Amino acid sequence: MPKIYKRNIAKNDLVECYVYLAENASLDIADQFLENAEASFNELAMNPFMGSPLMLQNPKFVGIRKWRVKKFINILIFYMPINDGVSIVRVIHASQNWWNILGLL
């Protein structure tokens, strides 16, 4: 079974998204978000090249790809395929300046 590695900053992103949804939508929607994020991570681990590749200038992000959280199409997953699965780099709302955010990592 492929593995899913979440960087600490990605874990923080998940918490921030959860809190935002809990405060501005409902706890049920926030819970659904976490369930769908995990389902999306599992799908990526099984099919690591299905996301769109990105070309970033930062050499530490060579091979980074973008996908979305299932049923939360405005929340993007930035990840890197690795030998035994995927590394989740960030989970960012599409309205944020994610090009700039990723450039600052």
N, C-alpha and C. Protein backbone atom coordinates (compact mmCIF):
# COMPACT_ATOMS: atom_id res chain seq x y z
N MET A 1 0.84 -1.19 0.00
CA MET A 1 0.00 0.00 0.00
C MET A 1 0.89 1.25 0.00
N PRO A 2 0.66 2.18 -0.92
CA PRO A 2 1.45 3.42 -0.94
C PRO A 2 1.23 4.24 0.34
N LYS A 3 2.25 5.00 0.70
CA LYS A 3 2.20 5.79 1.93
C LYS A 3 1.88 7.26 1.61
N ILE A 4 1.34 7.93 2.61
CA ILE A 4 1.04 9.35 2.52
C ILE A 4 1.82 10.05 3.61
N TYR A 5 2.69 10.95 3.20
CA TYR A 5 3.47 11.76 4.14
C TYR A 5 2.93 13.19 4.07
N LYS A 6 2.60 13.75 5.22
CA LYS A 6 2.12 15.13 5.26
C LYS A 6 3.18 15.99 5.93
N ARG A 7 3.60 17.01 5.23
CA ARG A 7 4.53 17.96 5.85
C ARG A 7 3.79 18.70 6.96
N ASN A 8 4.53 19.16 7.94
CA ASN A 8 3.91 19.86 9.07
C ASN A 8 3.08 21.05 8.62
N ILE A 9 3.57 21.78 7.63
CA ILE A 9 2.82 22.94 7.16
C ILE A 9 1.52 22.52 6.50
N ALA A 10 1.51 21.36 5.85
CA ALA A 10 0.26 20.83 5.27
C ALA A 10 -0.72 20.44 6.37
N LYS A 11 -0.20 19.88 7.45
CA LYS A 11 -1.06 19.55 8.60
C LYS A 11 -1.69 20.83 9.16
N ASN A 12 -0.88 21.89 9.26
CA ASN A 12 -1.40 23.18 9.73
C ASN A 12 -2.47 23.71 8.77
N ASP A 13 -2.22 23.56 7.45
CA ASP A 13 -3.21 23.99 6.46
C ASP A 13 -4.55 23.28 6.68
N LEU A 14 -4.49 21.97 6.94
CA LEU A 14 -5.72 21.20 7.17
C LEU A 14 -6.47 21.72 8.39
N VAL A 15 -5.74 22.02 9.45
CA VAL A 15 -6.38 22.55 10.66
C VAL A 15 -7.02 23.90 10.36
N GLU A 16 -6.31 24.76 9.65
CA GLU A 16 -6.85 26.09 9.32
C GLU A 16 -8.12 25.97 8.48
N CYS A 17 -8.11 25.09 7.49
CA CYS A 17 -9.30 24.88 6.65
C CYS A 17 -10.45 24.36 7.50
N TYR A 18 -10.16 23.42 8.38
CA TYR A 18 -11.18 22.83 9.25
C TYR A 18 -11.81 23.92 10.13
N VAL A 19 -10.98 24.71 10.77
CA VAL A 19 -11.49 25.75 11.66
C VAL A 19 -12.33 26.76 10.88
N TYR A 20 -11.83 27.16 9.72
CA TYR A 20 -12.58 28.11 8.89
C TYR A 20 -13.96 27.56 8.54
N LEU A 21 -13.99 26.31 8.07
CA LEU A 21 -15.27 25.70 7.68
C LEU A 21 -16.18 25.52 8.89
N ALA A 22 -15.64 25.13 10.03
CA ALA A 22 -16.44 24.94 11.24
C ALA A 22 -17.07 26.27 11.68
N GLU A 23 -16.31 27.35 11.57
CA GLU A 23 -16.80 28.66 12.01
C GLU A 23 -17.73 29.32 11.00
N ASN A 24 -17.51 29.05 9.71
CA ASN A 24 -18.26 29.76 8.67
C ASN A 24 -19.29 28.91 7.93
N ALA A 25 -19.26 27.62 8.14
CA ALA A 25 -20.24 26.72 7.51
C ALA A 25 -20.88 25.91 8.64
N SER A 26 -20.30 24.78 8.95
CA SER A 26 -20.79 23.96 10.08
C SER A 26 -19.74 22.91 10.43
N LEU A 27 -19.90 22.32 11.60
CA LEU A 27 -19.00 21.25 12.01
C LEU A 27 -19.13 20.05 11.07
N ASP A 28 -20.34 19.78 10.60
CA ASP A 28 -20.53 18.66 9.67
C ASP A 28 -19.74 18.87 8.38
N ILE A 29 -19.77 20.08 7.84
CA ILE A 29 -19.03 20.37 6.61
C ILE A 29 -17.53 20.29 6.88
N ALA A 30 -17.10 20.80 8.02
CA ALA A 30 -15.67 20.72 8.37
C ALA A 30 -15.23 19.27 8.48
N ASP A 31 -16.06 18.43 9.11
CA ASP A 31 -15.75 17.00 9.21
C ASP A 31 -15.70 16.35 7.83
N GLN A 32 -16.66 16.71 6.97
CA GLN A 32 -16.67 16.19 5.60
C GLN A 32 -15.40 16.59 4.86
N PHE A 33 -14.96 17.81 5.09
CA PHE A 33 -13.73 18.27 4.46
C PHE A 33 -12.56 17.36 4.83
N LEU A 34 -12.38 17.09 6.12
CA LEU A 34 -11.27 16.24 6.54
C LEU A 34 -11.38 14.83 5.95
N GLU A 35 -12.58 14.28 5.94
CA GLU A 35 -12.79 12.95 5.35
C GLU A 35 -12.44 12.95 3.86
N ASN A 36 -12.90 13.98 3.15
CA ASN A 36 -12.64 14.06 1.72
C ASN A 36 -11.17 14.37 1.41
N ALA A 37 -10.53 15.14 2.28
CA ALA A 37 -9.10 15.40 2.10
C ALA A 37 -8.33 14.09 2.21
N GLU A 38 -8.63 13.30 3.23
CA GLU A 38 -7.95 12.01 3.40
C GLU A 38 -8.24 11.07 2.23
N ALA A 39 -9.49 11.06 1.76
CA ALA A 39 -9.83 10.23 0.59
C ALA A 39 -9.05 10.69 -0.63
N SER A 40 -8.89 11.99 -0.80
CA SER A 40 -8.13 12.53 -1.92
C SER A 40 -6.65 12.16 -1.80
N PHE A 41 -6.10 12.23 -0.59
CA PHE A 41 -4.71 11.84 -0.39
C PHE A 41 -4.50 10.37 -0.75
N ASN A 42 -5.45 9.53 -0.34
CA ASN A 42 -5.36 8.10 -0.66
C ASN A 42 -5.41 7.87 -2.17
N GLU A 43 -6.28 8.60 -2.83
CA GLU A 43 -6.39 8.48 -4.29
C GLU A 43 -5.08 8.91 -4.96
N LEU A 44 -4.50 9.98 -4.47
CA LEU A 44 -3.22 10.45 -5.02
C LEU A 44 -2.11 9.43 -4.77
N ALA A 45 -2.11 8.82 -3.60
CA ALA A 45 -1.09 7.83 -3.30
C ALA A 45 -1.18 6.65 -4.26
N MET A 46 -2.40 6.28 -4.63
CA MET A 46 -2.61 5.16 -5.55
C MET A 46 -2.30 5.55 -7.01
N ASN A 47 -2.51 6.83 -7.34
CA ASN A 47 -2.30 7.34 -8.71
C ASN A 47 -1.53 8.66 -8.64
N PRO A 48 -0.26 8.63 -8.30
CA PRO A 48 0.47 9.86 -7.98
C PRO A 48 0.69 10.83 -9.14
N PHE A 49 0.46 10.40 -10.37
CA PHE A 49 0.70 11.30 -11.48
C PHE A 49 -0.58 11.86 -12.08
N MET A 50 -1.70 11.73 -11.38
CA MET A 50 -2.96 12.20 -11.94
C MET A 50 -3.14 13.71 -11.80
N GLY A 51 -2.44 14.34 -10.89
CA GLY A 51 -2.54 15.79 -10.73
C GLY A 51 -1.78 16.53 -11.81
N SER A 52 -2.09 17.81 -11.95
CA SER A 52 -1.42 18.66 -12.94
C SER A 52 -0.02 19.02 -12.46
N PRO A 53 1.00 18.81 -13.31
CA PRO A 53 2.35 19.22 -12.92
C PRO A 53 2.48 20.73 -12.95
N LEU A 54 3.30 21.27 -12.06
CA LEU A 54 3.56 22.70 -12.00
C LEU A 54 5.03 22.95 -12.28
N MET A 55 5.32 24.04 -12.91
CA MET A 55 6.69 24.43 -13.16
C MET A 55 7.02 25.61 -12.24
N LEU A 56 7.74 25.32 -11.18
CA LEU A 56 8.14 26.35 -10.23
C LEU A 56 9.63 26.59 -10.32
N GLN A 57 10.05 27.81 -10.04
CA GLN A 57 11.47 28.14 -10.11
C GLN A 57 12.26 27.55 -8.95
N ASN A 58 11.61 27.30 -7.86
CA ASN A 58 12.28 26.78 -6.68
C ASN A 58 12.69 25.32 -6.92
N PRO A 59 13.99 25.02 -6.95
CA PRO A 59 14.43 23.65 -7.27
C PRO A 59 13.97 22.58 -6.28
N LYS A 60 13.62 22.96 -5.06
CA LYS A 60 13.17 21.95 -4.11
C LYS A 60 11.75 21.47 -4.42
N PHE A 61 11.08 22.09 -5.39
CA PHE A 61 9.74 21.69 -5.77
C PHE A 61 9.67 21.10 -7.18
N VAL A 62 10.78 20.61 -7.67
CA VAL A 62 10.76 19.93 -8.96
C VAL A 62 9.87 18.69 -8.82
N GLY A 63 8.91 18.57 -9.69
CA GLY A 63 8.00 17.43 -9.66
C GLY A 63 6.71 17.67 -8.90
N ILE A 64 6.52 18.87 -8.34
CA ILE A 64 5.30 19.14 -7.58
C ILE A 64 4.09 19.12 -8.51
N ARG A 65 2.98 18.66 -7.98
CA ARG A 65 1.75 18.55 -8.75
C ARG A 65 0.60 19.14 -7.94
N LYS A 66 -0.52 19.41 -8.64
CA LYS A 66 -1.68 20.04 -8.01
C LYS A 66 -2.92 19.19 -8.27
N TRP A 67 -3.74 19.02 -7.25
CA TRP A 67 -5.01 18.31 -7.34
C TRP A 67 -5.98 19.04 -6.44
N ARG A 68 -7.20 18.58 -6.34
CA ARG A 68 -8.19 19.23 -5.50
C ARG A 68 -8.76 18.24 -4.48
N VAL A 69 -9.28 18.79 -3.41
CA VAL A 69 -9.94 17.95 -2.41
C VAL A 69 -11.31 17.55 -2.97
N LYS A 70 -11.59 16.27 -2.93
CA LYS A 70 -12.85 15.73 -3.42
C LYS A 70 -14.03 16.49 -2.81
N LYS A 71 -14.93 16.97 -3.67
CA LYS A 71 -16.14 17.71 -3.30
C LYS A 71 -15.87 19.09 -2.71
N PHE A 72 -14.62 19.49 -2.63
CA PHE A 72 -14.22 20.84 -2.19
C PHE A 72 -13.29 21.38 -3.26
N ILE A 73 -13.84 21.66 -4.43
CA ILE A 73 -13.01 21.94 -5.61
C ILE A 73 -12.17 23.20 -5.48
N ASN A 74 -12.49 24.07 -4.53
CA ASN A 74 -11.69 25.28 -4.34
C ASN A 74 -10.55 25.10 -3.36
N ILE A 75 -10.41 23.91 -2.82
CA ILE A 75 -9.28 23.66 -1.91
C ILE A 75 -8.31 22.74 -2.64
N LEU A 76 -7.11 23.26 -2.85
CA LEU A 76 -6.11 22.59 -3.67
C LEU A 76 -5.09 21.85 -2.82
N ILE A 77 -4.67 20.71 -3.35
CA ILE A 77 -3.63 19.90 -2.73
C ILE A 77 -2.38 20.04 -3.59
N PHE A 78 -1.28 20.40 -2.97
CA PHE A 78 0.01 20.44 -3.67
C PHE A 78 0.84 19.30 -3.09
N TYR A 79 1.31 18.44 -3.96
CA TYR A 79 1.97 17.22 -3.50
C TYR A 79 3.09 16.83 -4.46
N MET A 80 3.93 15.93 -3.97
CA MET A 80 5.02 15.40 -4.78
C MET A 80 4.97 13.87 -4.74
N PRO A 81 4.97 13.25 -5.92
CA PRO A 81 5.09 11.79 -5.94
C PRO A 81 6.48 11.40 -5.43
N ILE A 82 6.53 10.37 -4.61
CA ILE A 82 7.80 9.85 -4.12
C ILE A 82 7.80 8.33 -4.30
N ASN A 83 8.92 7.70 -4.03
CA ASN A 83 9.08 6.26 -4.31
C ASN A 83 7.98 5.39 -3.73
N ASP A 84 7.57 5.65 -2.50
CA ASP A 84 6.61 4.77 -1.85
C ASP A 84 5.24 5.41 -1.61
N GLY A 85 4.93 6.50 -2.33
CA GLY A 85 3.63 7.15 -2.16
C GLY A 85 3.66 8.61 -2.58
N VAL A 86 3.13 9.47 -1.72
CA VAL A 86 3.11 10.90 -2.01
C VAL A 86 3.46 11.69 -0.75
N SER A 87 4.02 12.87 -0.99
CA SER A 87 4.30 13.82 0.08
C SER A 87 3.36 15.01 -0.12
N ILE A 88 2.48 15.25 0.84
CA ILE A 88 1.55 16.37 0.77
C ILE A 88 2.31 17.61 1.25
N VAL A 89 2.47 18.56 0.34
CA VAL A 89 3.28 19.75 0.61
C VAL A 89 2.43 20.85 1.25
N ARG A 90 1.29 21.16 0.63
CA ARG A 90 0.39 22.21 1.13
C ARG A 90 -1.04 21.85 0.76
N VAL A 91 -1.99 22.42 1.48
CA VAL A 91 -3.42 22.35 1.18
C VAL A 91 -3.92 23.79 1.29
N ILE A 92 -4.24 24.40 0.14
CA ILE A 92 -4.47 25.85 0.08
C ILE A 92 -5.76 26.14 -0.68
N HIS A 93 -6.52 27.12 -0.20
CA HIS A 93 -7.73 27.55 -0.92
C HIS A 93 -7.31 28.22 -2.23
N ALA A 94 -8.05 27.95 -3.27
CA ALA A 94 -7.71 28.45 -4.61
C ALA A 94 -7.72 29.98 -4.70
N SER A 95 -8.46 30.64 -3.82
CA SER A 95 -8.52 32.10 -3.87
C SER A 95 -7.25 32.76 -3.33
N GLN A 96 -6.43 31.99 -2.62
CA GLN A 96 -5.18 32.52 -2.10
C GLN A 96 -4.15 32.60 -3.24
N ASN A 97 -3.18 33.45 -3.07
CA ASN A 97 -2.11 33.57 -4.06
C ASN A 97 -1.14 32.41 -3.86
N TRP A 98 -1.55 31.23 -4.31
CA TRP A 98 -0.76 30.03 -4.03
C TRP A 98 0.56 30.02 -4.76
N TRP A 99 0.69 30.71 -5.88
CA TRP A 99 2.00 30.79 -6.54
C TRP A 99 3.00 31.46 -5.60
N ASN A 100 2.57 32.54 -4.98
CA ASN A 100 3.42 33.26 -4.05
C ASN A 100 3.68 32.43 -2.79
N ILE A 101 2.63 31.79 -2.29
CA ILE A 101 2.77 30.96 -1.08
C ILE A 101 3.78 29.84 -1.32
N LEU A 102 3.68 29.17 -2.45
CA LEU A 102 4.61 28.08 -2.74
C LEU A 102 6.02 28.60 -2.97
N GLY A 103 6.13 29.78 -3.50
CA GLY A 103 7.45 30.36 -3.72
C GLY A 103 8.17 30.70 -2.43
N LEU A 104 7.41 30.85 -1.35
CA LEU A 104 8.00 31.22 -0.07
C LEU A 104 8.38 30.00 0.78
N LEU A 105 8.06 28.81 0.33
CA LEU A 105 8.37 27.62 1.13
C LEU A 105 9.86 27.39 1.25
